[in-house]
C-alpha atoms as a PDB file:
ATOM      1  CA  MET A   1     135.275 -76.536  54.593  1.00  0.00           C
ATOM      2  CA  ALA A   2     132.564 -74.011  53.046  1.00  0.00           C
ATOM      3  CA  LYS A   3     130.040 -73.738  54.928  1.00  0.00           C
ATOM      4  CA  TYR A   4     127.351 -72.224  52.681  1.00  0.00           C
ATOM      5  CA  ALA A   5     125.735 -73.471  49.224  1.00  0.00           C
ATOM      6  CA  LEU A   6     122.884 -73.009  46.715  1.00  0.00           C
ATOM      7  CA  TYR A   7     120.888 -75.778  44.672  1.00  0.00           C
ATOM      8  CA  VAL A   8     119.400 -74.485  42.193  1.00  0.00           C
ATOM      9  CA  SER A   9     116.505 -77.101  40.478  1.00  0.00           C
ATOM     10  CA  LEU A  10     115.892 -76.762  36.712  1.00  0.00           C
ATOM     11  CA  LYS A  11     113.741 -78.269  34.359  1.00  0.00           C
ATOM     12  CA  ALA A  12     114.642 -77.832  30.731  1.00  0.00           C
ATOM     13  CA  LYS A  13     111.354 -76.991  28.206  1.00  0.00           C
ATOM     14  CA  PRO A  14     111.373 -79.976  25.333  1.00  0.00           C
ATOM     15  CA  GLY A  15     113.990 -79.602  22.717  1.00  0.00           C
ATOM     16  CA  LYS A  16     116.090 -77.043  24.766  1.00  0.00           C
ATOM     17  CA  GLU A  17     117.834 -79.791  26.393  1.00  0.00           C
ATOM     18  CA  GLY A  18     121.264 -79.125  24.460  1.00  0.00           C
ATOM     19  CA  GLU A  19     120.977 -75.651  25.261  1.00  0.00           C
ATOM     20  CA  VAL A  20     120.352 -76.052  28.607  1.00  0.00           C
ATOM     21  CA  GLU A  21     123.682 -77.993  28.779  1.00  0.00           C
ATOM     22  CA  ALA A  22     125.735 -75.588  26.747  1.00  0.00           C
ATOM     23  CA  PHE A  23     124.445 -72.818  29.133  1.00  0.00           C
ATOM     24  CA  LEU A  24     125.469 -74.657  32.419  1.00  0.00           C
ATOM     25  CA  LYS A  25     129.178 -75.557  30.786  1.00  0.00           C
ATOM     26  CA  GLN A  26     129.641 -71.703  29.966  1.00  0.00           C
ATOM     27  CA  GLY A  27     128.309 -71.648  33.505  1.00  0.00           C
ATOM     28  CA  SER A  28     131.801 -73.273  34.967  1.00  0.00           C
ATOM     29  CA  GLN A  29     134.234 -70.957  33.077  1.00  0.00           C
ATOM     30  CA  LEU A  30     132.078 -67.930  34.282  1.00  0.00           C
ATOM     31  CA  ALA A  31     132.091 -69.396  37.854  1.00  0.00           C
ATOM     32  CA  GLN A  32     136.253 -69.800  37.604  1.00  0.00           C
ATOM     33  CA  LYS A  33     136.456 -66.071  37.561  1.00  0.00           C
ATOM     34  CA  GLU A  34     134.609 -65.837  40.653  1.00  0.00           C
ATOM     35  CA  SER A  35     136.844 -65.594  43.865  1.00  0.00           C
ATOM     36  CA  GLY A  36     134.151 -66.113  46.600  1.00  0.00           C
ATOM     37  CA  THR A  37     132.806 -69.413  44.857  1.00  0.00           C
ATOM     38  CA  VAL A  38     134.651 -72.311  45.874  1.00  0.00           C
ATOM     39  CA  SER A  39     133.259 -75.258  44.071  1.00  0.00           C
ATOM     40  CA  TRP A  40     130.489 -74.799  41.093  1.00  0.00           C
ATOM     41  CA  TYR A  41     128.581 -78.291  39.421  1.00  0.00           C
ATOM     42  CA  GLY A  42     126.217 -78.354  36.351  1.00  0.00           C
ATOM     43  CA  LEU A  43     124.507 -81.265  36.884  1.00  0.00           C
ATOM     44  CA  LYS A  44     122.098 -83.807  34.851  1.00  0.00           C
ATOM     45  CA  GLU A  45     119.867 -85.347  36.941  1.00  0.00           C
ATOM     46  CA  ASP A  46     117.603 -86.856  34.662  1.00  0.00           C
ATOM     47  CA  GLU A  47     116.238 -86.208  31.147  1.00  0.00           C
ATOM     48  CA  GLY A  48     115.142 -82.522  30.948  1.00  0.00           C
ATOM     49  CA  HIS A  49     116.121 -82.557  34.754  1.00  0.00           C
ATOM     50  CA  TYR A  50     119.262 -80.356  35.597  1.00  0.00           C
ATOM     51  CA  SER A  51     120.591 -78.142  38.338  1.00  0.00           C
ATOM     52  CA  VAL A  52     123.471 -76.383  39.590  1.00  0.00           C
ATOM     53  CA  PHE A  53     125.324 -76.745  43.326  1.00  0.00           C
ATOM     54  CA  ASP A  54     128.124 -74.409  44.555  1.00  0.00           C
ATOM     55  CA  THR A  55     129.753 -73.745  47.519  1.00  0.00           C
ATOM     56  CA  PHE A  56     130.609 -70.548  49.084  1.00  0.00           C
ATOM     57  CA  ASN A  57     132.605 -69.996  52.493  1.00  0.00           C
ATOM     58  CA  ASP A  58     130.806 -67.284  53.659  1.00  0.00           C
ATOM     59  CA  GLU A  59     127.479 -65.228  53.294  1.00  0.00           C
ATOM     60  CA  ALA A  60     129.427 -62.466  51.234  1.00  0.00           C
ATOM     61  CA  GLY A  61     130.730 -64.916  48.436  1.00  0.00           C
ATOM     62  CA  ARG A  62     126.963 -66.244  47.829  1.00  0.00           C
ATOM     63  CA  ASP A  63     125.856 -63.211  47.789  1.00  0.00           C
ATOM     64  CA  ALA A  64     128.237 -62.114  45.387  1.00  0.00           C
ATOM     65  CA  HIS A  65     127.620 -64.954  42.860  1.00  0.00           C
ATOM     66  CA  LEU A  66     123.639 -64.211  43.480  1.00  0.00           C
ATOM     67  CA  ASN A  67     124.375 -60.760  42.084  1.00  0.00           C
ATOM     68  CA  GLY A  68     127.210 -61.663  39.515  1.00  0.00           C
ATOM     69  CA  GLU A  69     127.239 -62.954  36.090  1.00  0.00           C
ATOM     70  CA  ILE A  70     126.064 -66.261  36.385  1.00  0.00           C
ATOM     71  CA  ALA A  71     122.797 -65.291  37.527  1.00  0.00           C
ATOM     72  CA  LYS A  72     122.389 -62.226  35.691  1.00  0.00           C
ATOM     73  CA  ALA A  73     122.364 -64.877  32.591  1.00  0.00           C
ATOM     74  CA  LEU A  74     120.203 -67.278  34.215  1.00  0.00           C
ATOM     75  CA  MET A  75     117.416 -64.827  34.694  1.00  0.00           C
ATOM     76  CA  SER A  76     117.803 -63.384  31.258  1.00  0.00           C
ATOM     77  CA  LYS A  77     117.426 -66.869  29.535  1.00  0.00           C
ATOM     78  CA  ALA A  78     114.852 -68.537  32.308  1.00  0.00           C
ATOM     79  CA  SER A  79     111.742 -68.511  30.054  1.00  0.00           C
ATOM     80  CA  GLU A  80     113.373 -69.222  26.799  1.00  0.00           C
ATOM     81  CA  LEU A  81     114.910 -72.441  28.575  1.00  0.00           C
ATOM     82  CA  PHE A  82     113.097 -73.633  31.368  1.00  0.00           C
ATOM     83  CA  ALA A  83     109.699 -74.980  31.875  1.00  0.00           C
ATOM     84  CA  GLU A  84     109.282 -73.989  35.779  1.00  0.00           C
ATOM     85  CA  PRO A  85     109.976 -70.976  37.181  1.00  0.00           C
ATOM     86  CA  LEU A  86     113.716 -71.833  38.916  1.00  0.00           C
ATOM     87  CA  LYS A  87     113.777 -72.790  42.572  1.00  0.00           C
ATOM     88  CA  ILE A  88     117.232 -71.214  44.471  1.00  0.00           C
ATOM     89  CA  HIS A  89     117.316 -73.320  47.758  1.00  0.00           C
ATOM     90  CA  LYS A  90     120.329 -71.409  50.147  1.00  0.00           C
ATOM     91  CA  ILE A  91     122.032 -74.135  52.098  1.00  0.00           C
ATOM     92  CA  THR A  92     124.319 -74.423  55.271  1.00  0.00           C
ATOM     93  CA  ILE A  93     126.616 -77.023  55.299  1.00  0.00           C
ATOM     94  CA  VAL A  94     127.106 -78.786  58.481  1.00  0.00           C
ATOM     95  CA  ALA A  95     129.701 -81.479  57.543  1.00  0.00           C
ATOM     96  CA  ASP A  96     131.795 -82.656  54.288  1.00  0.00           C
ATOM     97  CA  LYS A  97     134.684 -85.065  53.560  1.00  0.00           C
END
């Protein structure tokens, strides 16, 4: 069972929804290359509201992800694509199925 996760809440700027969705699809491809990332999800929660949820077996995998290519790309596009500052939540998973 993966023990660690990240949840990142994203609110697209008006008119940037398509770019955010394209960015999330690209993020999925980048996550495939990360050995420490167990799962990675780009989610559309509501109109203009998106999130990323990903899981890791250990802190080293999560830290590598936070310092990896997806995080760098996200931070470089943040002011262009998102209406609010990114909210990154470090989560510990206590149960799963």
